[in-house]
């Protein structure tokens, strides 16, 4: 049965607190290190522990991971685009992936 979580009634339905997951593995993200500290698993958010931030530039494998929602699982890179537009933008910009 366990004990209740403080403010557990406010947890979104289906959310599992990170501490209950045991070890969360970030190695499925290409180029990321398991040395990152996992903050959330859904959406995935991880940060670099302070003791690893001693370089002038943070190496990409230690750079933080931030997601504001669940990332899509199947992306067709050939069809993927990013459109940038806004209220004050005079022009709209569509970005497509680089293909060699």
PDB file of N, CA and C in Angstrom:
ATOM      1  N   UNK A   1       0.829  -1.193   0.000  1.00  0.00           N
ATOM      2  CA  UNK A   1       0.000   0.000   0.000  1.00  0.00           C
ATOM      3  C   UNK A   1       0.870   1.251   0.000  1.00  0.00           C
ATOM      4  N   UNK A   2       1.924   1.311   0.790  1.00  0.00           N
ATOM      5  CA  UNK A   2       2.807   2.465   0.790  1.00  0.00           C
ATOM      6  C   UNK A   2       2.218   3.660   1.513  1.00  0.00           C
ATOM      7  N   UNK A   3       2.843   4.803   1.318  1.00  0.00           N
ATOM      8  CA  UNK A   3       2.355   6.034   1.939  1.00  0.00           C
ATOM      9  C   UNK A   3       1.935   7.004   0.852  1.00  0.00           C
ATOM     10  N   UNK A   4       1.038   7.907   1.170  1.00  0.00           N
ATOM     11  CA  UNK A   4       0.598   8.868   0.151  1.00  0.00           C
ATOM     12  C   UNK A   4       1.688   9.907  -0.152  1.00  0.00           C
ATOM     13  N   UNK A   5       1.733  10.363  -1.385  1.00  0.00           N
ATOM     14  CA  UNK A   5       2.640  11.443  -1.769  1.00  0.00           C
ATOM     15  C   UNK A   5       2.050  12.765  -1.320  1.00  0.00           C
ATOM     16  N   UNK A   6       2.919  13.658  -0.875  1.00  0.00           N
ATOM     17  CA  UNK A   6       2.470  15.009  -0.553  1.00  0.00           C
ATOM     18  C   UNK A   6       1.954  15.629  -1.848  1.00  0.00           C
ATOM     19  N   UNK A   7       0.798  16.214  -1.825  1.00  0.00           N
ATOM     20  CA  UNK A   7       0.138  16.810  -2.984  1.00  0.00           C
ATOM     21  C   UNK A   7      -0.137  15.787  -4.088  1.00  0.00           C
ATOM     22  N   UNK A   8      -0.156  14.500  -3.762  1.00  0.00           N
ATOM     23  CA  UNK A   8      -0.412  13.458  -4.746  1.00  0.00           C
ATOM     24  C   UNK A   8      -1.751  13.606  -5.446  1.00  0.00           C
ATOM     25  N   UNK A   9      -2.729  14.195  -4.773  1.00  0.00           N
ATOM     26  CA  UNK A   9      -4.038  14.392  -5.409  1.00  0.00           C
ATOM     27  C   UNK A   9      -3.942  15.373  -6.572  1.00  0.00           C
ATOM     28  N   UNK A  10      -2.868  16.175  -6.611  1.00  0.00           N
ATOM     29  CA  UNK A  10      -2.699  17.156  -7.684  1.00  0.00           C
ATOM     30  C   UNK A  10      -1.912  16.611  -8.874  1.00  0.00           C
ATOM     31  N   UNK A  11      -1.407  15.380  -8.773  1.00  0.00           N
ATOM     32  CA  UNK A  11      -0.654  14.787  -9.877  1.00  0.00           C
ATOM     33  C   UNK A  11      -1.579  14.577 -11.070  1.00  0.00           C
ATOM     34  N   UNK A  12      -1.123  14.893 -12.277  1.00  0.00           N
ATOM     35  CA  UNK A  12      -1.941  14.575 -13.457  1.00  0.00           C
ATOM     36  C   UNK A  12      -2.151  13.068 -13.549  1.00  0.00           C
ATOM     37  N   UNK A  13      -3.300  12.677 -14.021  1.00  0.00           N
ATOM     38  CA  UNK A  13      -3.624  11.257 -14.150  1.00  0.00           C
ATOM     39  C   UNK A  13      -2.594  10.560 -15.045  1.00  0.00           C
ATOM     40  N   UNK A  14      -2.074   9.434 -14.605  1.00  0.00           N
ATOM     41  CA  UNK A  14      -1.116   8.664 -15.380  1.00  0.00           C
ATOM     42  C   UNK A  14       0.332   9.047 -15.150  1.00  0.00           C
ATOM     43  N   UNK A  15       0.587  10.147 -14.425  1.00  0.00           N
ATOM     44  CA  UNK A  15       1.963  10.574 -14.162  1.00  0.00           C
ATOM     45  C   UNK A  15       2.576   9.680 -13.097  1.00  0.00           C
ATOM     46  N   UNK A  16       3.767   9.194 -13.362  1.00  0.00           N
ATOM     47  CA  UNK A  16       4.485   8.387 -12.385  1.00  0.00           C
ATOM     48  C   UNK A  16       5.649   9.232 -11.873  1.00  0.00           C
ATOM     49  N   UNK A  17       5.718   9.477 -10.566  1.00  0.00           N
ATOM     50  CA  UNK A  17       6.844  10.256 -10.038  1.00  0.00           C
ATOM     51  C   UNK A  17       8.172   9.600 -10.397  1.00  0.00           C
ATOM     52  N   UNK A  18       9.136  10.391 -10.775  1.00  0.00           N
ATOM     53  CA  UNK A  18      10.415   9.894 -11.275  1.00  0.00           C
ATOM     54  C   UNK A  18      11.102   8.970 -10.274  1.00  0.00           C
ATOM     55  N   UNK A  19      10.950   9.229  -9.021  1.00  0.00           N
ATOM     56  CA  UNK A  19      11.601   8.404  -8.002  1.00  0.00           C
ATOM     57  C   UNK A  19      11.073   6.974  -7.987  1.00  0.00           C
ATOM     58  N   UNK A  20       9.848   6.773  -8.451  1.00  0.00           N
ATOM     59  CA  UNK A  20       9.274   5.424  -8.456  1.00  0.00           C
ATOM     60  C   UNK A  20       9.728   4.597  -9.651  1.00  0.00           C
ATOM     61  N   UNK A  21      10.340   5.243 -10.629  1.00  0.00           N
ATOM     62  CA  UNK A  21      10.745   4.537 -11.834  1.00  0.00           C
ATOM     63  C   UNK A  21      12.054   3.795 -11.679  1.00  0.00           C
ATOM     64  N   UNK A  22      12.786   4.077 -10.611  1.00  0.00           N
ATOM     65  CA  UNK A  22      14.112   3.482 -10.471  1.00  0.00           C
ATOM     66  C   UNK A  22      15.063   4.234 -11.379  1.00  0.00           C
ATOM     67  N   UNK A  23      15.809   3.539 -12.203  1.00  0.00           N
ATOM     68  CA  UNK A  23      16.747   4.224 -13.090  1.00  0.00           C
ATOM     69  C   UNK A  23      16.096   4.451 -14.442  1.00  0.00           C
ATOM     70  N   UNK A  24      16.059   5.711 -14.851  1.00  0.00           N
ATOM     71  CA  UNK A  24      15.569   6.073 -16.167  1.00  0.00           C
ATOM     72  C   UNK A  24      16.778   6.184 -17.078  1.00  0.00           C
ATOM     73  N   UNK A  25      16.680   5.610 -18.266  1.00  0.00           N
ATOM     74  CA  UNK A  25      17.816   5.569 -19.182  1.00  0.00           C
ATOM     75  C   UNK A  25      17.645   6.608 -20.276  1.00  0.00           C
ATOM     76  N   UNK A  26      18.615   7.503 -20.385  1.00  0.00           N
ATOM     77  CA  UNK A  26      18.579   8.542 -21.411  1.00  0.00           C
ATOM     78  C   UNK A  26      19.418   8.150 -22.618  1.00  0.00           C
ATOM     79  N   UNK A  27      20.053   6.993 -22.575  1.00  0.00           N
ATOM     80  CA  UNK A  27      20.968   6.602 -23.640  1.00  0.00           C
ATOM     81  C   UNK A  27      20.265   6.327 -24.966  1.00  0.00           C
ATOM     82  N   UNK A  28      18.924   6.231 -24.969  1.00  0.00           N
ATOM     83  CA  UNK A  28      18.239   6.033 -26.242  1.00  0.00           C
ATOM     84  C   UNK A  28      18.179   7.320 -27.063  1.00  0.00           C
ATOM     85  N   UNK A  29      18.562   8.447 -26.468  1.00  0.00           N
ATOM     86  CA  UNK A  29      18.681   9.691 -27.219  1.00  0.00           C
ATOM     87  C   UNK A  29      20.097   9.746 -27.760  1.00  0.00           C
ATOM     88  N   UNK A  30      20.203   9.737 -29.077  1.00  0.00           N
ATOM     89  CA  UNK A  30      21.510   9.688 -29.728  1.00  0.00           C
ATOM     90  C   UNK A  30      22.403  10.833 -29.266  1.00  0.00           C
ATOM     91  N   UNK A  31      23.611  10.487 -28.824  1.00  0.00           N
ATOM     92  CA  UNK A  31      24.597  11.488 -28.448  1.00  0.00           C
ATOM     93  C   UNK A  31      24.477  12.004 -27.029  1.00  0.00           C
ATOM     94  N   UNK A  32      23.562  11.492 -26.227  1.00  0.00           N
ATOM     95  CA  UNK A  32      23.408  11.970 -24.852  1.00  0.00           C
ATOM     96  C   UNK A  32      24.020  10.985 -23.871  1.00  0.00           C
ATOM     97  N   UNK A  33      24.545  11.525 -22.787  1.00  0.00           N
ATOM     98  CA  UNK A  33      25.243  10.745 -21.774  1.00  0.00           C
ATOM     99  C   UNK A  33      24.305  10.338 -20.648  1.00  0.00           C
ATOM    100  N   UNK A  34      24.532   9.162 -20.084  1.00  0.00           N
ATOM    101  CA  UNK A  34      23.774   8.738 -18.907  1.00  0.00           C
ATOM    102  C   UNK A  34      24.200   9.492 -17.650  1.00  0.00           C
ATOM    103  N   UNK A  35      25.131  10.416 -17.791  1.00  0.00           N
ATOM    104  CA  UNK A  35      25.552  11.226 -16.650  1.00  0.00           C
ATOM    105  C   UNK A  35      24.575  12.360 -16.366  1.00  0.00           C
ATOM    106  N   UNK A  36      23.644  12.623 -17.276  1.00  0.00           N
ATOM    107  CA  UNK A  36      22.654  13.670 -17.047  1.00  0.00           C
ATOM    108  C   UNK A  36      21.709  13.252 -15.930  1.00  0.00           C
ATOM    109  N   UNK A  37      21.256  14.219 -15.163  1.00  0.00           N
ATOM    110  CA  UNK A  37      20.291  13.963 -14.088  1.00  0.00           C
ATOM    111  C   UNK A  37      18.886  14.097 -14.654  1.00  0.00           C
ATOM    112  N   UNK A  38      18.104  13.026 -14.564  1.00  0.00           N
ATOM    113  CA  UNK A  38      16.735  13.023 -15.077  1.00  0.00           C
ATOM    114  C   UNK A  38      15.841  13.782 -14.105  1.00  0.00           C
ATOM    115  N   UNK A  39      15.126  14.782 -14.606  1.00  0.00           N
ATOM    116  CA  UNK A  39      14.182  15.543 -13.790  1.00  0.00           C
ATOM    117  C   UNK A  39      12.759  15.045 -13.979  1.00  0.00           C
ATOM    118  N   UNK A  40      12.391  14.727 -15.213  1.00  0.00           N
ATOM    119  CA  UNK A  40      11.074  14.183 -15.563  1.00  0.00           C
ATOM    120  C   UNK A  40      11.290  13.101 -16.599  1.00  0.00           C
ATOM    121  N   UNK A  41      10.347  12.181 -16.671  1.00  0.00           N
ATOM    122  CA  UNK A  41      10.425  11.191 -17.748  1.00  0.00           C
ATOM    123  C   UNK A  41       9.354  11.424 -18.795  1.00  0.00           C
ATOM    124  N   UNK A  42       8.252  12.087 -18.460  1.00  0.00           N
ATOM    125  CA  UNK A  42       7.184  12.370 -19.416  1.00  0.00           C
ATOM    126  C   UNK A  42       6.677  13.764 -19.172  1.00  0.00           C
ATOM    127  N   UNK A  43       7.091  14.765 -19.870  1.00  0.00           N
ATOM    128  CA  UNK A  43       8.075  14.752 -20.941  1.00  0.00           C
ATOM    129  C   UNK A  43       9.487  14.642 -20.362  1.00  0.00           C
ATOM    130  N   UNK A  44      10.391  14.140 -21.187  1.00  0.00           N
ATOM    131  CA  UNK A  44      11.760  13.917 -20.741  1.00  0.00           C
ATOM    132  C   UNK A  44      12.487  15.244 -20.561  1.00  0.00           C
ATOM    133  N   UNK A  45      13.003  15.472 -19.366  1.00  0.00           N
ATOM    134  CA  UNK A  45      13.818  16.638 -19.049  1.00  0.00           C
ATOM    135  C   UNK A  45      14.991  16.168 -18.216  1.00  0.00           C
ATOM    136  N   UNK A  46      16.181  16.578 -18.623  1.00  0.00           N
ATOM    137  CA  UNK A  46      17.395  16.173 -17.917  1.00  0.00           C
ATOM    138  C   UNK A  46      18.355  17.348 -17.887  1.00  0.00           C
ATOM    139  N   UNK A  47      19.158  17.406 -16.836  1.00  0.00           N
ATOM    140  CA  UNK A  47      20.125  18.495 -16.727  1.00  0.00           C
ATOM    141  C   UNK A  47      21.505  17.947 -16.414  1.00  0.00           C
ATOM    142  N   UNK A  48      22.502  18.775 -16.669  1.00  0.00           N
ATOM    143  CA  UNK A  48      23.882  18.402 -16.408  1.00  0.00           C
ATOM    144  C   UNK A  48      24.183  18.646 -14.935  1.00  0.00           C
ATOM    145  N   UNK A  49      24.703  17.659 -14.227  1.00  0.00           N
ATOM    146  CA  UNK A  49      25.102  17.886 -12.837  1.00  0.00           C
ATOM    147  C   UNK A  49      26.190  18.965 -12.775  1.00  0.00           C
ATOM    148  N   UNK A  50      26.153  19.768 -11.733  1.00  0.00           N
ATOM    149  CA  UNK A  50      27.067  20.912 -11.600  1.00  0.00           C
ATOM    150  C   UNK A  50      28.533  20.510 -11.686  1.00  0.00           C
ATOM    151  N   UNK A  51      28.890  19.347 -11.158  1.00  0.00           N
ATOM    152  CA  UNK A  51      30.304  18.957 -11.152  1.00  0.00           C
ATOM    153  C   UNK A  51      30.841  18.651 -12.552  1.00  0.00           C
ATOM    154  N   UNK A  52      29.946  18.532 -13.543  1.00  0.00           N
ATOM    155  CA  UNK A  52      30.382  18.292 -14.922  1.00  0.00           C
ATOM    156  C   UNK A  52      30.427  19.576 -15.753  1.00  0.00           C
ATOM    157  N   UNK A  53      30.107  20.705 -15.140  1.00  0.00           N
ATOM    158  CA  UNK A  53      30.078  21.986 -15.849  1.00  0.00           C
ATOM    159  C   UNK A  53      31.352  22.787 -15.611  1.00  0.00           C
ATOM    160  N   UNK A  54      32.500  22.166 -15.853  1.00  0.00           N
ATOM    161  CA  UNK A  54      33.759  22.863 -15.605  1.00  0.00           C
ATOM    162  C   UNK A  54      34.507  23.226 -16.889  1.00  0.00           C
ATOM    163  N   UNK A  55      33.912  22.969 -18.064  1.00  0.00           N
ATOM    164  CA  UNK A  55      34.512  23.367 -19.333  1.00  0.00           C
ATOM    165  C   UNK A  55      34.016  24.756 -19.713  1.00  0.00           C
ATOM    166  N   UNK A  56      34.767  25.429 -20.606  1.00  0.00           N
ATOM    167  CA  UNK A  56      34.307  26.717 -21.112  1.00  0.00           C
ATOM    168  C   UNK A  56      33.008  26.565 -21.908  1.00  0.00           C
ATOM    169  N   UNK A  57      32.910  25.467 -22.637  1.00  0.00           N
ATOM    170  CA  UNK A  57      31.699  25.142 -23.392  1.00  0.00           C
ATOM    171  C   UNK A  57      31.213  23.763 -22.955  1.00  0.00           C
ATOM    172  N   UNK A  58      29.911  23.635 -22.763  1.00  0.00           N
ATOM    173  CA  UNK A  58      29.350  22.341 -22.382  1.00  0.00           C
ATOM    174  C   UNK A  58      29.319  21.441 -23.606  1.00  0.00           C
ATOM    175  N   UNK A  59      29.939  20.255 -23.538  1.00  0.00           N
ATOM    176  CA  UNK A  59      29.895  19.337 -24.681  1.00  0.00           C
ATOM    177  C   UNK A  59      28.463  18.894 -24.958  1.00  0.00           C
ATOM    178  N   UNK A  60      28.155  18.634 -26.215  1.00  0.00           N
ATOM    179  CA  UNK A  60      26.794  18.282 -26.610  1.00  0.00           C
ATOM    180  C   UNK A  60      26.259  17.079 -25.840  1.00  0.00           C
ATOM    181  N   UNK A  61      27.083  16.078 -25.569  1.00  0.00           N
ATOM    182  CA  UNK A  61      26.579  14.882 -24.878  1.00  0.00           C
ATOM    183  C   UNK A  61      26.182  15.176 -23.431  1.00  0.00           C
ATOM    184  N   UNK A  62      26.634  16.322 -22.891  1.00  0.00           N
ATOM    185  CA  UNK A  62      26.263  16.713 -21.534  1.00  0.00           C
ATOM    186  C   UNK A  62      25.271  17.882 -21.506  1.00  0.00           C
ATOM    187  N   UNK A  63      24.904  18.395 -22.683  1.00  0.00           N
ATOM    188  CA  UNK A  63      23.988  19.526 -22.746  1.00  0.00           C
ATOM    189  C   UNK A  63      22.590  19.075 -22.326  1.00  0.00           C
ATOM    190  N   UNK A  64      21.874  19.948 -21.630  1.00  0.00           N
ATOM    191  CA  UNK A  64      20.564  19.584 -21.083  1.00  0.00           C
ATOM    192  C   UNK A  64      19.573  19.147 -22.162  1.00  0.00           C
ATOM    193  N   UNK A  65      18.530  18.442 -21.736  1.00  0.00           N
ATOM    194  CA  UNK A  65      17.443  18.006 -22.606  1.00  0.00           C
ATOM    195  C   UNK A  65      16.153  18.579 -22.036  1.00  0.00           C
ATOM    196  N   UNK A  66      15.415  19.320 -22.846  1.00  0.00           N
ATOM    197  CA  UNK A  66      14.137  19.887 -22.404  1.00  0.00           C
ATOM    198  C   UNK A  66      13.055  19.558 -23.419  1.00  0.00           C
ATOM    199  N   UNK A  67      11.943  19.057 -22.943  1.00  0.00           N
ATOM    200  CA  UNK A  67      10.766  18.799 -23.765  1.00  0.00           C
ATOM    201  C   UNK A  67       9.564  19.386 -23.042  1.00  0.00           C
ATOM    202  N   UNK A  68       8.707  20.071 -23.775  1.00  0.00           N
ATOM    203  CA  UNK A  68       7.489  20.623 -23.194  1.00  0.00           C
ATOM    204  C   UNK A  68       6.292  19.713 -23.397  1.00  0.00           C
ATOM    205  N   UNK A  69       6.488  18.664 -24.137  1.00  0.00           N
ATOM    206  CA  UNK A  69       5.442  17.682 -24.376  1.00  0.00           C
ATOM    207  C   UNK A  69       6.106  16.367 -24.735  1.00  0.00           C
ATOM    208  N   UNK A  70       5.315  15.357 -24.939  1.00  0.00           N
ATOM    209  CA  UNK A  70       5.857  14.053 -25.313  1.00  0.00           C
ATOM    210  C   UNK A  70       6.351  14.155 -26.756  1.00  0.00           C
ATOM    211  N   UNK A  71       7.641  13.887 -27.017  1.00  0.00           N
ATOM    212  CA  UNK A  71       8.146  13.968 -28.388  1.00  0.00           C
ATOM    213  C   UNK A  71       7.487  12.915 -29.280  1.00  0.00           C
ATOM    214  N   UNK A  72       7.265  13.245 -30.557  1.00  0.00           N
ATOM    215  CA  UNK A  72       6.690  12.250 -31.473  1.00  0.00           C
ATOM    216  C   UNK A  72       7.642  11.080 -31.645  1.00  0.00           C
ATOM    217  N   UNK A  73       7.083   9.896 -31.863  1.00  0.00           N
ATOM    218  CA  UNK A  73       7.929   8.713 -31.934  1.00  0.00           C
ATOM    219  C   UNK A  73       8.389   8.381 -33.350  1.00  0.00           C
ATOM    220  N   UNK A  74       7.562   8.597 -34.340  1.00  0.00           N
ATOM    221  CA  UNK A  74       7.926   8.253 -35.713  1.00  0.00           C
ATOM    222  C   UNK A  74       7.905   9.505 -36.582  1.00  0.00           C
ATOM    223  N   UNK A  75       9.075  10.031 -36.874  1.00  0.00           N
ATOM    224  CA  UNK A  75       9.184  11.234 -37.700  1.00  0.00           C
ATOM    225  C   UNK A  75       9.765  10.844 -39.046  1.00  0.00           C
ATOM    226  N   UNK A  76       9.076  11.222 -40.103  1.00  0.00           N
ATOM    227  CA  UNK A  76       9.598  11.020 -41.454  1.00  0.00           C
ATOM    228  C   UNK A  76      10.450  12.241 -41.778  1.00  0.00           C
ATOM    229  N   UNK A  77      11.752  12.103 -41.673  1.00  0.00           N
ATOM    230  CA  UNK A  77      12.673  13.222 -41.822  1.00  0.00           C
ATOM    231  C   UNK A  77      12.551  13.883 -43.203  1.00  0.00           C
ATOM    232  N   UNK A  78      12.118  13.134 -44.201  1.00  0.00           N
ATOM    233  CA  UNK A  78      11.982  13.698 -45.551  1.00  0.00           C
ATOM    234  C   UNK A  78      10.788  14.629 -45.674  1.00  0.00           C
ATOM    235  N   UNK A  79       9.802  14.472 -44.798  1.00  0.00           N
ATOM    236  CA  UNK A  79       8.606  15.313 -44.838  1.00  0.00           C
ATOM    237  C   UNK A  79       8.585  16.366 -43.734  1.00  0.00           C
ATOM    238  N   UNK A  80       9.517  16.290 -42.808  1.00  0.00           N
ATOM    239  CA  UNK A  80       9.533  17.170 -41.646  1.00  0.00           C
ATOM    240  C   UNK A  80       9.852  18.609 -42.037  1.00  0.00           C
ATOM    241  N   UNK A  81       9.130  19.570 -41.475  1.00  0.00           N
ATOM    242  CA  UNK A  81       9.426  20.992 -41.658  1.00  0.00           C
ATOM    243  C   UNK A  81       9.144  21.728 -40.359  1.00  0.00           C
ATOM    244  N   UNK A  82       9.733  22.892 -40.235  1.00  0.00           N
ATOM    245  CA  UNK A  82       9.470  23.780 -39.108  1.00  0.00           C
ATOM    246  C   UNK A  82       9.125  25.134 -39.697  1.00  0.00           C
ATOM    247  N   UNK A  83       7.956  25.648 -39.373  1.00  0.00           N
ATOM    248  CA  UNK A  83       7.530  26.946 -39.879  1.00  0.00           C
ATOM    249  C   UNK A  83       7.614  27.961 -38.751  1.00  0.00           C
ATOM    250  N   UNK A  84       8.293  29.079 -39.034  1.00  0.00           N
ATOM    251  CA  UNK A  84       8.450  30.158 -38.062  1.00  0.00           C
ATOM    252  C   UNK A  84       7.619  31.339 -38.540  1.00  0.00           C
ATOM    253  N   UNK A  85       6.681  31.749 -37.714  1.00  0.00           N
ATOM    254  CA  UNK A  85       5.852  32.906 -38.033  1.00  0.00           C
ATOM    255  C   UNK A  85       5.394  33.529 -36.728  1.00  0.00           C
ATOM    256  N   UNK A  86       4.954  34.733 -36.804  1.00  0.00           N
ATOM    257  CA  UNK A  86       4.509  35.391 -35.588  1.00  0.00           C
ATOM    258  C   UNK A  86       3.727  36.644 -35.889  1.00  0.00           C
ATOM    259  N   UNK A  87       3.222  37.218 -34.845  1.00  0.00           N
ATOM    260  CA  UNK A  87       2.389  38.401 -34.968  1.00  0.00           C
ATOM    261  C   UNK A  87       3.144  39.567 -35.590  1.00  0.00           C
ATOM    262  N   UNK A  88       4.402  39.753 -35.191  1.00  0.00           N
ATOM    263  CA  UNK A  88       5.171  40.889 -35.687  1.00  0.00           C
ATOM    264  C   UNK A  88       6.114  40.527 -36.833  1.00  0.00           C
ATOM    265  N   UNK A  89       6.115  39.275 -37.246  1.00  0.00           N
ATOM    266  CA  UNK A  89       7.010  38.857 -38.331  1.00  0.00           C
ATOM    267  C   UNK A  89       6.455  39.324 -39.669  1.00  0.00           C
ATOM    268  N   UNK A  90       7.334  39.907 -40.463  1.00  0.00           N
ATOM    269  CA  UNK A  90       6.900  40.360 -41.779  1.00  0.00           C
ATOM    270  C   UNK A  90       6.851  39.212 -42.778  1.00  0.00           C
ATOM    271  N   UNK A  91       7.714  38.229 -42.574  1.00  0.00           N
ATOM    272  CA  UNK A  91       7.733  37.092 -43.483  1.00  0.00           C
ATOM    273  C   UNK A  91       7.684  35.802 -42.687  1.00  0.00           C
ATOM    274  N   UNK A  92       7.192  34.792 -43.348  1.00  0.00           N
ATOM    275  CA  UNK A  92       7.131  33.459 -42.759  1.00  0.00           C
ATOM    276  C   UNK A  92       8.333  32.672 -43.281  1.00  0.00           C
ATOM    277  N   UNK A  93       8.947  31.876 -42.430  1.00  0.00           N
ATOM    278  CA  UNK A  93      10.128  31.090 -42.813  1.00  0.00           C
ATOM    279  C   UNK A  93       9.818  29.629 -42.575  1.00  0.00           C
ATOM    280  N   UNK A  94      10.070  28.798 -43.614  1.00  0.00           N
ATOM    281  CA  UNK A  94       9.900  27.353 -43.471  1.00  0.00           C
ATOM    282  C   UNK A  94      11.261  26.703 -43.578  1.00  0.00           C
ATOM    283  N   UNK A  95      11.613  25.918 -42.568  1.00  0.00           N
ATOM    284  CA  UNK A  95      12.901  25.245 -42.525  1.00  0.00           C
ATOM    285  C   UNK A  95      12.701  23.766 -42.806  1.00  0.00           C
ATOM    286  N   UNK A  96      13.571  23.216 -43.616  1.00  0.00           N
ATOM    287  CA  UNK A  96      13.528  21.789 -43.946  1.00  0.00           C
ATOM    288  C   UNK A  96      14.862  21.170 -43.571  1.00  0.00           C
ATOM    289  N   UNK A  97      14.904  19.858 -43.354  1.00  0.00           N
ATOM    290  CA  UNK A  97      16.158  19.227 -42.975  1.00  0.00           C
ATOM    291  C   UNK A  97      17.178  19.278 -44.107  1.00  0.00           C
ATOM    292  N   UNK A  98      18.422  19.330 -43.726  1.00  0.00           N
ATOM    293  CA  UNK A  98      19.529  19.323 -44.682  1.00  0.00           C
ATOM    294  C   UNK A  98      19.647  17.915 -45.253  1.00  0.00           C
ATOM    295  N   UNK A  99      19.699  17.818 -46.549  1.00  0.00           N
ATOM    296  CA  UNK A  99      19.922  16.513 -47.186  1.00  0.00           C
ATOM    297  C   UNK A  99      21.161  16.616 -48.048  1.00  0.00           C
ATOM    298  N   UNK A 100      22.038  15.655 -47.906  1.00  0.00           N
ATOM    299  CA  UNK A 100      23.298  15.696 -48.669  1.00  0.00           C
ATOM    300  C   UNK A 100      23.187  14.915 -49.960  1.00  0.00           C
TER     301      UNK A 100
END
